[in-house]
PDB file of N, CA and C in Angstrom:
ATOM      1  N   MET A   1     -36.334  -6.168  62.271  1.00  0.00           N
ATOM      2  CA  MET A   1     -37.141  -5.761  63.381  1.00  0.00           C
ATOM      3  C   MET A   1     -38.529  -6.353  63.215  1.00  0.00           C
ATOM      4  N   ALA A   2     -39.071  -6.835  64.321  1.00  0.00           N
ATOM      5  CA  ALA A   2     -40.400  -7.443  64.277  1.00  0.00           C
ATOM      6  C   ALA A   2     -41.453  -6.355  64.199  1.00  0.00           C
ATOM      7  N   LYS A   3     -42.444  -6.653  63.429  1.00  0.00           N
ATOM      8  CA  LYS A   3     -43.524  -5.697  63.257  1.00  0.00           C
ATOM      9  C   LYS A   3     -44.576  -5.953  64.339  1.00  0.00           C
ATOM     10  N   THR A   4     -44.984  -4.907  65.033  1.00  0.00           N
ATOM     11  CA  THR A   4     -46.020  -5.051  66.053  1.00  0.00           C
ATOM     12  C   THR A   4     -47.299  -4.377  65.570  1.00  0.00           C
ATOM     13  N   THR A   5     -48.344  -4.997  65.866  1.00  0.00           N
ATOM     14  CA  THR A   5     -49.621  -4.388  65.521  1.00  0.00           C
ATOM     15  C   THR A   5     -50.272  -3.861  66.788  1.00  0.00           C
ATOM     16  N   GLU A   6     -50.720  -2.670  66.672  1.00  0.00           N
ATOM     17  CA  GLU A   6     -51.407  -2.065  67.818  1.00  0.00           C
ATOM     18  C   GLU A   6     -52.896  -2.319  67.695  1.00  0.00           C
ATOM     19  N   LYS A   7     -53.454  -2.690  68.797  1.00  0.00           N
ATOM     20  CA  LYS A   7     -54.896  -2.882  68.821  1.00  0.00           C
ATOM     21  C   LYS A   7     -55.555  -1.516  68.960  1.00  0.00           C
ATOM     22  N   PRO A   8     -56.619  -1.323  68.213  1.00  0.00           N
ATOM     23  CA  PRO A   8     -57.307  -0.041  68.373  1.00  0.00           C
ATOM     24  C   PRO A   8     -57.894   0.046  69.795  1.00  0.00           C
ATOM     25  N   THR A   9     -57.758   1.201  70.374  1.00  0.00           N
ATOM     26  CA  THR A   9     -58.281   1.380  71.729  1.00  0.00           C
ATOM     27  C   THR A   9     -59.752   1.782  71.643  1.00  0.00           C
ATOM     28  N   THR A  10     -60.522   1.169  72.468  1.00  0.00           N
ATOM     29  CA  THR A  10     -61.930   1.535  72.564  1.00  0.00           C
ATOM     30  C   THR A  10     -62.179   2.030  73.970  1.00  0.00           C
ATOM     31  N   LYS A  11     -62.919   3.070  74.040  1.00  0.00           N
ATOM     32  CA  LYS A  11     -63.241   3.628  75.345  1.00  0.00           C
ATOM     33  C   LYS A  11     -64.494   2.941  75.874  1.00  0.00           C
ATOM     34  N   ALA A  12     -64.408   2.558  77.105  1.00  0.00           N
ATOM     35  CA  ALA A  12     -65.578   1.958  77.736  1.00  0.00           C
ATOM     36  C   ALA A  12     -66.600   3.057  77.982  1.00  0.00           C
ATOM     37  N   LYS A  13     -67.816   2.779  77.635  1.00  0.00           N
ATOM     38  CA  LYS A  13     -68.864   3.766  77.843  1.00  0.00           C
ATOM     39  C   LYS A  13     -69.351   3.694  79.274  1.00  0.00           C
ATOM     40  N   THR A  14     -69.510   4.848  79.846  1.00  0.00           N
ATOM     41  CA  THR A  14     -70.019   4.929  81.203  1.00  0.00           C
ATOM     42  C   THR A  14     -71.530   4.985  81.140  1.00  0.00           C
ATOM     43  N   LYS A  15     -72.143   4.112  81.884  1.00  0.00           N
ATOM     44  CA  LYS A  15     -73.597   4.093  81.934  1.00  0.00           C
ATOM     45  C   LYS A  15     -74.040   4.869  83.165  1.00  0.00           C
ATOM     46  N   THR A  16     -74.908   5.818  82.952  1.00  0.00           N
ATOM     47  CA  THR A  16     -75.411   6.595  84.076  1.00  0.00           C
ATOM     48  C   THR A  16     -76.852   6.193  84.365  1.00  0.00           C
ATOM     49  N   VAL A  17     -77.192   6.293  85.597  1.00  0.00           N
ATOM     50  CA  VAL A  17     -78.535   5.960  86.047  1.00  0.00           C
ATOM     51  C   VAL A  17     -79.047   7.145  86.846  1.00  0.00           C
ATOM     52  N   ALA A  18     -80.287   7.508  86.620  1.00  0.00           N
ATOM     53  CA  ALA A  18     -80.871   8.624  87.362  1.00  0.00           C
ATOM     54  C   ALA A  18     -80.911   8.274  88.856  1.00  0.00           C
ATOM     55  N   TYR A  19     -80.520   9.225  89.673  1.00  0.00           N
ATOM     56  CA  TYR A  19     -80.531   9.030  91.122  1.00  0.00           C
ATOM     57  C   TYR A  19     -81.906   9.417  91.657  1.00  0.00           C
ATOM     58  N   ASP A  20     -82.469   8.578  92.469  1.00  0.00           N
ATOM     59  CA  ASP A  20     -83.752   8.852  93.097  1.00  0.00           C
ATOM     60  C   ASP A  20     -83.599   8.670  94.596  1.00  0.00           C
ATOM     61  N   VAL A  21     -83.639   9.774  95.318  1.00  0.00           N
ATOM     62  CA  VAL A  21     -83.433   9.721  96.762  1.00  0.00           C
ATOM     63  C   VAL A  21     -84.500   8.857  97.444  1.00  0.00           C
ATOM     64  N   ALA A  22     -85.681   8.761  96.853  1.00  0.00           N
ATOM     65  CA  ALA A  22     -86.747   7.957  97.456  1.00  0.00           C
ATOM     66  C   ALA A  22     -86.322   6.500  97.628  1.00  0.00           C
ATOM     67  N   GLU A  23     -85.438   6.024  96.764  1.00  0.00           N
ATOM     68  CA  GLU A  23     -84.959   4.642  96.872  1.00  0.00           C
ATOM     69  C   GLU A  23     -84.028   4.452  98.071  1.00  0.00           C
ATOM     70  N   GLN A  24     -83.492   5.541  98.588  1.00  0.00           N
ATOM     71  CA  GLN A  24     -82.560   5.457  99.710  1.00  0.00           C
ATOM     72  C   GLN A  24     -83.240   5.640 101.062  1.00  0.00           C
ATOM     73  N   LEU A  25     -84.460   6.127 101.048  1.00  0.00           N
ATOM     74  CA  LEU A  25     -85.183   6.392 102.291  1.00  0.00           C
ATOM     75  C   LEU A  25     -85.947   5.135 102.693  1.00  0.00           C
ATOM     76  N   ARG A  26     -85.341   4.337 103.548  1.00  0.00           N
ATOM     77  CA  ARG A  26     -85.907   3.027 103.862  1.00  0.00           C
ATOM     78  C   ARG A  26     -86.625   2.967 105.200  1.00  0.00           C
ATOM     79  N   THR A  27     -86.170   3.740 106.157  1.00  0.00           N
ATOM     80  CA  THR A  27     -86.755   3.657 107.499  1.00  0.00           C
ATOM     81  C   THR A  27     -87.392   4.991 107.880  1.00  0.00           C
ATOM     82  N   PRO A  28     -88.312   4.968 108.836  1.00  0.00           N
ATOM     83  CA  PRO A  28     -88.901   6.232 109.300  1.00  0.00           C
ATOM     84  C   PRO A  28     -87.839   7.205 109.833  1.00  0.00           C
ATOM     85  N   GLU A  29     -86.797   6.669 110.441  1.00  0.00           N
ATOM     86  CA  GLU A  29     -85.725   7.527 110.962  1.00  0.00           C
ATOM     87  C   GLU A  29     -84.977   8.227 109.824  1.00  0.00           C
ATOM     88  N   GLU A  30     -84.700   7.497 108.738  1.00  0.00           N
ATOM     89  CA  GLU A  30     -84.032   8.106 107.584  1.00  0.00           C
ATOM     90  C   GLU A  30     -84.922   9.169 106.943  1.00  0.00           C
ATOM     91  N   MET A  31     -86.201   8.895 106.881  1.00  0.00           N
ATOM     92  CA  MET A  31     -87.142   9.854 106.302  1.00  0.00           C
ATOM     93  C   MET A  31     -87.201  11.127 107.129  1.00  0.00           C
ATOM     94  N   ALA A  32     -87.281  10.969 108.439  1.00  0.00           N
ATOM     95  CA  ALA A  32     -87.320  12.133 109.328  1.00  0.00           C
ATOM     96  C   ALA A  32     -86.008  12.914 109.255  1.00  0.00           C
ATOM     97  N   ALA A  33     -84.883  12.217 109.200  1.00  0.00           N
ATOM     98  CA  ALA A  33     -83.576  12.885 109.111  1.00  0.00           C
ATOM     99  C   ALA A  33     -83.460  13.665 107.798  1.00  0.00           C
ATOM    100  N   TYR A  34     -83.971  13.093 106.723  1.00  0.00           N
ATOM    101  CA  TYR A  34     -83.941  13.764 105.416  1.00  0.00           C
ATOM    102  C   TYR A  34     -84.755  15.060 105.459  1.00  0.00           C
ATOM    103  N   LEU A  35     -85.952  15.001 106.030  1.00  0.00           N
ATOM    104  CA  LEU A  35     -86.778  16.194 106.133  1.00  0.00           C
ATOM    105  C   LEU A  35     -86.140  17.216 107.069  1.00  0.00           C
ATOM    106  N   ASP A  36     -85.585  16.758 108.176  1.00  0.00           N
ATOM    107  CA  ASP A  36     -84.877  17.660 109.097  1.00  0.00           C
ATOM    108  C   ASP A  36     -83.713  18.362 108.397  1.00  0.00           C
ATOM    109  N   ALA A  37     -83.006  17.623 107.543  1.00  0.00           N
ATOM    110  CA  ALA A  37     -81.879  18.233 106.814  1.00  0.00           C
ATOM    111  C   ALA A  37     -82.371  19.365 105.917  1.00  0.00           C
ATOM    112  N   TRP A  38     -83.517  19.166 105.277  1.00  0.00           N
ATOM    113  CA  TRP A  38     -84.077  20.241 104.451  1.00  0.00           C
ATOM    114  C   TRP A  38     -84.422  21.451 105.308  1.00  0.00           C
ATOM    115  N   PHE A  39     -85.055  21.220 106.456  1.00  0.00           N
ATOM    116  CA  PHE A  39     -85.398  22.341 107.342  1.00  0.00           C
ATOM    117  C   PHE A  39     -84.153  23.062 107.824  1.00  0.00           C
ATOM    118  N   GLU A  40     -83.102  22.314 108.079  1.00  0.00           N
ATOM    119  CA  GLU A  40     -81.856  22.894 108.595  1.00  0.00           C
ATOM    120  C   GLU A  40     -81.079  23.631 107.505  1.00  0.00           C
ATOM    121  N   GLU A  41     -80.928  23.008 106.349  1.00  0.00           N
ATOM    122  CA  GLU A  41     -80.073  23.547 105.293  1.00  0.00           C
ATOM    123  C   GLU A  41     -80.772  24.580 104.401  1.00  0.00           C
ATOM    124  N   ALA A  42     -82.078  24.455 104.239  1.00  0.00           N
ATOM    125  CA  ALA A  42     -82.800  25.364 103.335  1.00  0.00           C
ATOM    126  C   ALA A  42     -84.156  25.733 103.935  1.00  0.00           C
ATOM    127  N   PRO A  43     -84.151  26.390 105.088  1.00  0.00           N
ATOM    128  CA  PRO A  43     -85.416  26.659 105.776  1.00  0.00           C
ATOM    129  C   PRO A  43     -86.363  27.579 105.011  1.00  0.00           C
ATOM    130  N   ASP A  44     -85.853  28.357 104.085  1.00  0.00           N
ATOM    131  CA  ASP A  44     -86.693  29.285 103.324  1.00  0.00           C
ATOM    132  C   ASP A  44     -87.117  28.726 101.974  1.00  0.00           C
ATOM    133  N   ASP A  45     -86.722  27.515 101.658  1.00  0.00           N
ATOM    134  CA  ASP A  45     -87.027  26.914 100.367  1.00  0.00           C
ATOM    135  C   ASP A  45     -88.294  26.061 100.476  1.00  0.00           C
ATOM    136  N   ALA A  46     -89.447  26.723 100.395  1.00  0.00           N
ATOM    137  CA  ALA A  46     -90.728  26.029 100.541  1.00  0.00           C
ATOM    138  C   ALA A  46     -90.909  24.962  99.467  1.00  0.00           C
ATOM    139  N   ALA A  47     -90.507  25.263  98.249  1.00  0.00           N
ATOM    140  CA  ALA A  47     -90.642  24.293  97.156  1.00  0.00           C
ATOM    141  C   ALA A  47     -89.749  23.076  97.410  1.00  0.00           C
ATOM    142  N   GLY A  48     -88.550  23.306  97.907  1.00  0.00           N
ATOM    143  CA  GLY A  48     -87.635  22.205  98.205  1.00  0.00           C
ATOM    144  C   GLY A  48     -88.159  21.323  99.329  1.00  0.00           C
ATOM    145  N   ILE A  49     -88.733  21.941 100.345  1.00  0.00           N
ATOM    146  CA  ILE A  49     -89.293  21.173 101.452  1.00  0.00           C
ATOM    147  C   ILE A  49     -90.499  20.374 100.974  1.00  0.00           C
ATOM    148  N   ALA A  50     -91.311  20.963 100.105  1.00  0.00           N
ATOM    149  CA  ALA A  50     -92.450  20.227  99.539  1.00  0.00           C
ATOM    150  C   ALA A  50     -91.955  19.046  98.706  1.00  0.00           C
ATOM    151  N   ARG A  51     -90.886  19.254  97.923  1.00  0.00           N
ATOM    152  CA  ARG A  51     -90.316  18.146  97.145  1.00  0.00           C
ATOM    153  C   ARG A  51     -89.781  17.060  98.069  1.00  0.00           C
ATOM    154  N   ALA A  52     -89.165  17.473  99.192  1.00  0.00           N
ATOM    155  CA  ALA A  52     -88.658  16.487 100.158  1.00  0.00           C
ATOM    156  C   ALA A  52     -89.809  15.651 100.706  1.00  0.00           C
ATOM    157  N   LEU A  53     -90.934  16.290 101.004  1.00  0.00           N
ATOM    158  CA  LEU A  53     -92.111  15.535 101.434  1.00  0.00           C
ATOM    159  C   LEU A  53     -92.558  14.585 100.330  1.00  0.00           C
ATOM    160  N   GLY A  54     -92.467  15.038  99.087  1.00  0.00           N
ATOM    161  CA  GLY A  54     -92.812  14.189  97.950  1.00  0.00           C
ATOM    162  C   GLY A  54     -91.876  12.997  97.827  1.00  0.00           C
ATOM    163  N   ASP A  55     -90.583  13.233  98.062  1.00  0.00           N
ATOM    164  CA  ASP A  55     -89.609  12.133  98.029  1.00  0.00           C
ATOM    165  C   ASP A  55     -89.957  11.084  99.080  1.00  0.00           C
ATOM    166  N   ILE A  56     -90.285  11.559 100.265  1.00  0.00           N
ATOM    167  CA  ILE A  56     -90.630  10.641 101.352  1.00  0.00           C
ATOM    168  C   ILE A  56     -91.926   9.907 101.023  1.00  0.00           C
ATOM    169  N   ALA A  57     -92.896  10.625 100.457  1.00  0.00           N
ATOM    170  CA  ALA A  57     -94.167   9.994 100.088  1.00  0.00           C
ATOM    171  C   ALA A  57     -93.949   8.910  99.032  1.00  0.00           C
ATOM    172  N   ARG A  58     -93.068   9.174  98.062  1.00  0.00           N
ATOM    173  CA  ARG A  58     -92.767   8.157  97.045  1.00  0.00           C
ATOM    174  C   ARG A  58     -92.078   6.955  97.678  1.00  0.00           C
ATOM    175  N   ALA A  59     -91.202   7.210  98.645  1.00  0.00           N
ATOM    176  CA  ALA A  59     -90.516   6.108  99.325  1.00  0.00           C
ATOM    177  C   ALA A  59     -91.522   5.245 100.100  1.00  0.00           C
ATOM    178  N   ARG A  60     -92.530   5.863 100.664  1.00  0.00           N
ATOM    179  CA  ARG A  60     -93.545   5.161 101.447  1.00  0.00           C
ATOM    180  C   ARG A  60     -94.588   4.502 100.564  1.00  0.00           C
ATOM    181  N   GLY A  61     -94.804   5.074  99.390  1.00  0.00           N
ATOM    182  CA  GLY A  61     -95.866   4.597  98.504  1.00  0.00           C
ATOM    183  C   GLY A  61     -96.902   5.697  98.355  1.00  0.00           C
ATOM    184  N   MET A  62     -96.859   6.390  97.232  1.00  0.00           N
ATOM    185  CA  MET A  62     -97.692   7.575  97.030  1.00  0.00           C
ATOM    186  C   MET A  62     -99.186   7.265  97.171  1.00  0.00           C
ATOM    187  N   THR A  63     -99.625   6.128  96.687  1.00  0.00           N
ATOM    188  CA  THR A  63    -101.052   5.791  96.760  1.00  0.00           C
ATOM    189  C   THR A  63    -101.519   5.688  98.206  1.00  0.00           C
ATOM    190  N   GLN A  64    -100.730   5.004  99.032  1.00  0.00           N
ATOM    191  CA  GLN A  64    -101.108   4.844 100.439  1.00  0.00           C
ATOM    192  C   GLN A  64    -101.046   6.177 101.174  1.00  0.00           C
ATOM    193  N   VAL A  65    -100.027   6.975 100.918  1.00  0.00           N
ATOM    194  CA  VAL A  65     -99.906   8.274 101.576  1.00  0.00           C
ATOM    195  C   VAL A  65    -101.085   9.154 101.190  1.00  0.00           C
ATOM    196  N   ALA A  66    -101.432   9.170  99.906  1.00  0.00           N
ATOM    197  CA  ALA A  66    -102.576   9.972  99.454  1.00  0.00           C
ATOM    198  C   ALA A  66    -103.847   9.519 100.160  1.00  0.00           C
ATOM    199  N   ARG A  67    -104.051   8.219 100.246  1.00  0.00           N
ATOM    200  CA  ARG A  67    -105.242   7.678 100.919  1.00  0.00           C
ATOM    201  C   ARG A  67    -105.257   8.106 102.384  1.00  0.00           C
ATOM    202  N   ASP A  68    -104.114   7.963 103.060  1.00  0.00           N
ATOM    203  CA  ASP A  68    -104.034   8.322 104.483  1.00  0.00           C
ATOM    204  C   ASP A  68    -104.217   9.822 104.711  1.00  0.00           C
ATOM    205  N   ALA A  69    -103.826  10.625 103.724  1.00  0.00           N
ATOM    206  CA  ALA A  69    -103.952  12.084 103.838  1.00  0.00           C
ATOM    207  C   ALA A  69    -105.319  12.574 103.381  1.00  0.00           C
ATOM    208  N   GLY A  70    -106.113  11.686 102.799  1.00  0.00           N
ATOM    209  CA  GLY A  70    -107.430  12.096 102.313  1.00  0.00           C
ATOM    210  C   GLY A  70    -107.368  12.885 101.022  1.00  0.00           C
ATOM    211  N   LEU A  71    -106.355  12.594 100.199  1.00  0.00           N
ATOM    212  CA  LEU A  71    -106.169  13.303  98.937  1.00  0.00           C
ATOM    213  C   LEU A  71    -106.125  12.297  97.797  1.00  0.00           C
ATOM    214  N   SER A  72    -106.330  12.790  96.576  1.00  0.00           N
ATOM    215  CA  SER A  72    -106.141  11.897  95.433  1.00  0.00           C
ATOM    216  C   SER A  72    -104.647  11.789  95.146  1.00  0.00           C
ATOM    217  N   ARG A  73    -104.256  10.677  94.568  1.00  0.00           N
ATOM    218  CA  ARG A  73    -102.841  10.466  94.251  1.00  0.00           C
ATOM    219  C   ARG A  73    -102.352  11.536  93.283  1.00  0.00           C
ATOM    220  N   GLU A  74    -103.171  11.884  92.299  1.00  0.00           N
ATOM    221  CA  GLU A  74    -102.784  12.884  91.306  1.00  0.00           C
ATOM    222  C   GLU A  74    -102.578  14.261  91.939  1.00  0.00           C
ATOM    223  N   SER A  75    -103.497  14.643  92.838  1.00  0.00           N
ATOM    224  CA  SER A  75    -103.347  15.959  93.472  1.00  0.00           C
ATOM    225  C   SER A  75    -102.138  15.982  94.394  1.00  0.00           C
ATOM    226  N   LEU A  76    -101.826  14.843  95.006  1.00  0.00           N
ATOM    227  CA  LEU A  76    -100.648  14.778  95.869  1.00  0.00           C
ATOM    228  C   LEU A  76     -99.373  14.914  95.049  1.00  0.00           C
ATOM    229  N   TYR A  77     -99.293  14.201  93.914  1.00  0.00           N
ATOM    230  CA  TYR A  77     -98.140  14.342  93.027  1.00  0.00           C
ATOM    231  C   TYR A  77     -97.973  15.794  92.593  1.00  0.00           C
ATOM    232  N   LYS A  78     -99.071  16.419  92.205  1.00  0.00           N
ATOM    233  CA  LYS A  78     -99.019  17.804  91.725  1.00  0.00           C
ATOM    234  C   LYS A  78     -98.577  18.757  92.835  1.00  0.00           C
ATOM    235  N   ALA A  79     -99.156  18.602  94.018  1.00  0.00           N
ATOM    236  CA  ALA A  79     -98.829  19.497  95.134  1.00  0.00           C
ATOM    237  C   ALA A  79     -97.373  19.389  95.554  1.00  0.00           C
ATOM    238  N   LEU A  80     -96.807  18.165  95.486  1.00  0.00           N
ATOM    239  CA  LEU A  80     -95.444  17.949  95.974  1.00  0.00           C
ATOM    240  C   LEU A  80     -94.412  17.904  94.859  1.00  0.00           C
ATOM    241  N   SER A  81     -94.800  18.331  93.662  1.00  0.00           N
ATOM    242  CA  SER A  81     -93.865  18.362  92.542  1.00  0.00           C
ATOM    243  C   SER A  81     -93.000  19.615  92.606  1.00  0.00           C
ATOM    244  N   GLU A  82     -92.057  19.699  91.687  1.00  0.00           N
ATOM    245  CA  GLU A  82     -91.149  20.851  91.649  1.00  0.00           C
ATOM    246  C   GLU A  82     -91.907  22.165  91.471  1.00  0.00           C
ATOM    247  N   ASN A  83     -92.980  22.138  90.690  1.00  0.00           N
ATOM    248  CA  ASN A  83     -93.756  23.355  90.450  1.00  0.00           C
ATOM    249  C   ASN A  83     -94.995  23.442  91.327  1.00  0.00           C
ATOM    250  N   GLY A  84     -95.154  22.503  92.233  1.00  0.00           N
ATOM    251  CA  GLY A  84     -96.321  22.501  93.105  1.00  0.00           C
ATOM    252  C   GLY A  84     -96.230  23.600  94.143  1.00  0.00           C
ATOM    253  N   ASN A  85     -97.359  23.941  94.679  1.00  0.00           N
ATOM    254  CA  ASN A  85     -97.416  24.954  95.727  1.00  0.00           C
ATOM    255  C   ASN A  85     -98.488  24.513  96.723  1.00  0.00           C
ATOM    256  N   PRO A  86     -98.167  23.514  97.553  1.00  0.00           N
ATOM    257  CA  PRO A  86     -99.187  22.963  98.439  1.00  0.00           C
ATOM    258  C   PRO A  86     -99.604  23.953  99.520  1.00  0.00           C
ATOM    259  N   SER A  87    -100.855  23.874  99.892  1.00  0.00           N
ATOM    260  CA  SER A  87    -101.319  24.687 101.012  1.00  0.00           C
ATOM    261  C   SER A  87    -100.703  24.129 102.296  1.00  0.00           C
ATOM    262  N   PHE A  88    -100.709  24.950 103.324  1.00  0.00           N
ATOM    263  CA  PHE A  88    -100.169  24.478 104.596  1.00  0.00           C
ATOM    264  C   PHE A  88    -101.011  23.327 105.130  1.00  0.00           C
ATOM    265  N   ALA A  89    -102.315  23.364 104.871  1.00  0.00           N
ATOM    266  CA  ALA A  89    -103.184  22.267 105.292  1.00  0.00           C
ATOM    267  C   ALA A  89    -102.755  20.961 104.625  1.00  0.00           C
ATOM    268  N   THR A  90    -102.389  21.028 103.340  1.00  0.00           N
ATOM    269  CA  THR A  90    -101.927  19.834 102.632  1.00  0.00           C
ATOM    270  C   THR A  90    -100.627  19.329 103.230  1.00  0.00           C
ATOM    271  N   VAL A  91     -99.715  20.241 103.531  1.00  0.00           N
ATOM    272  CA  VAL A  91     -98.438  19.856 104.145  1.00  0.00           C
ATOM    273  C   VAL A  91     -98.691  19.139 105.466  1.00  0.00           C
ATOM    274  N   LEU A  92     -99.596  19.660 106.273  1.00  0.00           N
ATOM    275  CA  LEU A  92     -99.891  19.029 107.560  1.00  0.00           C
ATOM    276  C   LEU A  92    -100.526  17.657 107.375  1.00  0.00           C
ATOM    277  N   LYS A  93    -101.444  17.521 106.414  1.00  0.00           N
ATOM    278  CA  LYS A  93    -102.068  16.225 106.147  1.00  0.00           C
ATOM    279  C   LYS A  93    -101.032  15.201 105.700  1.00  0.00           C
ATOM    280  N   VAL A  94    -100.133  15.626 104.823  1.00  0.00           N
ATOM    281  CA  VAL A  94     -99.099  14.718 104.311  1.00  0.00           C
ATOM    282  C   VAL A  94     -98.136  14.336 105.436  1.00  0.00           C
ATOM    283  N   ALA A  95     -97.730  15.305 106.239  1.00  0.00           N
ATOM    284  CA  ALA A  95     -96.825  15.013 107.356  1.00  0.00           C
ATOM    285  C   ALA A  95     -97.462  13.989 108.295  1.00  0.00           C
ATOM    286  N   ARG A  96     -98.732  14.174 108.594  1.00  0.00           N
ATOM    287  CA  ARG A  96     -99.416  13.226 109.476  1.00  0.00           C
ATOM    288  C   ARG A  96     -99.483  11.843 108.827  1.00  0.00           C
ATOM    289  N   ALA A  97     -99.801  11.809 107.531  1.00  0.00           N
ATOM    290  CA  ALA A  97     -99.882  10.526 106.818  1.00  0.00           C
ATOM    291  C   ALA A  97     -98.524   9.830 106.775  1.00  0.00           C
ATOM    292  N   LEU A  98     -97.451  10.605 106.730  1.00  0.00           N
ATOM    293  CA  LEU A  98     -96.103  10.038 106.693  1.00  0.00           C
ATOM    294  C   LEU A  98     -95.600   9.635 108.074  1.00  0.00           C
ATOM    295  N   GLY A  99     -96.304  10.078 109.100  1.00  0.00           N
ATOM    296  CA  GLY A  99     -95.871   9.757 110.457  1.00  0.00           C
ATOM    297  C   GLY A  99     -94.731  10.633 110.936  1.00  0.00           C
ATOM    298  N   VAL A 100     -94.614  11.832 110.353  1.00  0.00           N
ATOM    299  CA  VAL A 100     -93.595  12.777 110.830  1.00  0.00           C
ATOM    300  C   VAL A 100     -94.314  13.961 111.473  1.00  0.00           C
ATOM    301  N   ARG A 101     -93.643  14.583 112.391  1.00  0.00           N
ATOM    302  CA  ARG A 101     -94.210  15.708 113.111  1.00  0.00           C
ATOM    303  C   ARG A 101     -93.337  16.930 112.893  1.00  0.00           C
ATOM    304  N   LEU A 102     -93.962  18.041 112.601  1.00  0.00           N
ATOM    305  CA  LEU A 102     -93.243  19.307 112.496  1.00  0.00           C
ATOM    306  C   LEU A 102     -93.253  19.943 113.870  1.00  0.00           C
ATOM    307  N   HIS A 103     -92.121  20.461 114.293  1.00  0.00           N
ATOM    308  CA  HIS A 103     -92.126  21.134 115.600  1.00  0.00           C
ATOM    309  C   HIS A 103     -91.255  22.377 115.523  1.00  0.00           C
ATOM    310  N   ALA A 104     -91.602  23.321 116.380  1.00  0.00           N
ATOM    311  CA  ALA A 104     -90.903  24.604 116.395  1.00  0.00           C
ATOM    312  C   ALA A 104     -89.827  24.592 117.477  1.00  0.00           C
ATOM    313  N   GLN A 105     -88.755  25.326 117.183  1.00  0.00           N
ATOM    314  CA  GLN A 105     -87.727  25.542 118.188  1.00  0.00           C
ATOM    315  C   GLN A 105     -87.158  26.931 117.981  1.00  0.00           C
ATOM    316  N   VAL A 106     -86.549  27.446 118.985  1.00  0.00           N
ATOM    317  CA  VAL A 106     -85.969  28.770 118.905  1.00  0.00           C
ATOM    318  C   VAL A 106     -84.823  28.753 117.888  1.00  0.00           C
ATOM    319  N   ALA A 107     -84.804  29.758 117.033  1.00  0.00           N
ATOM    320  CA  ALA A 107     -83.777  29.820 115.973  1.00  0.00           C
ATOM    321  C   ALA A 107     -82.432  30.211 116.542  1.00  0.00           C
TER     322      ALA A 107
END
């Protein structure tokens, strides 16, 4: 009987990459749809909505958004971070700088 040699099996390693939604937000329409989805799916999650604004600001360019909003880049990062708690005035300034409008509708 012929002798066969088995090759040792090696498992291919899976490489993971951190997902950043800001890289997917390319157009103003996508940015507005993303923010609308947050308002629709998690209307009571103020921190999540602030993070969504932060995602959009990063997609647009945080330095330019901060300049347009009249804020420092550092304060904008802090306000729109996971632990941030932006004032409503800051949210309105950022929304205006991003070119998105918040509007009310009957629930």
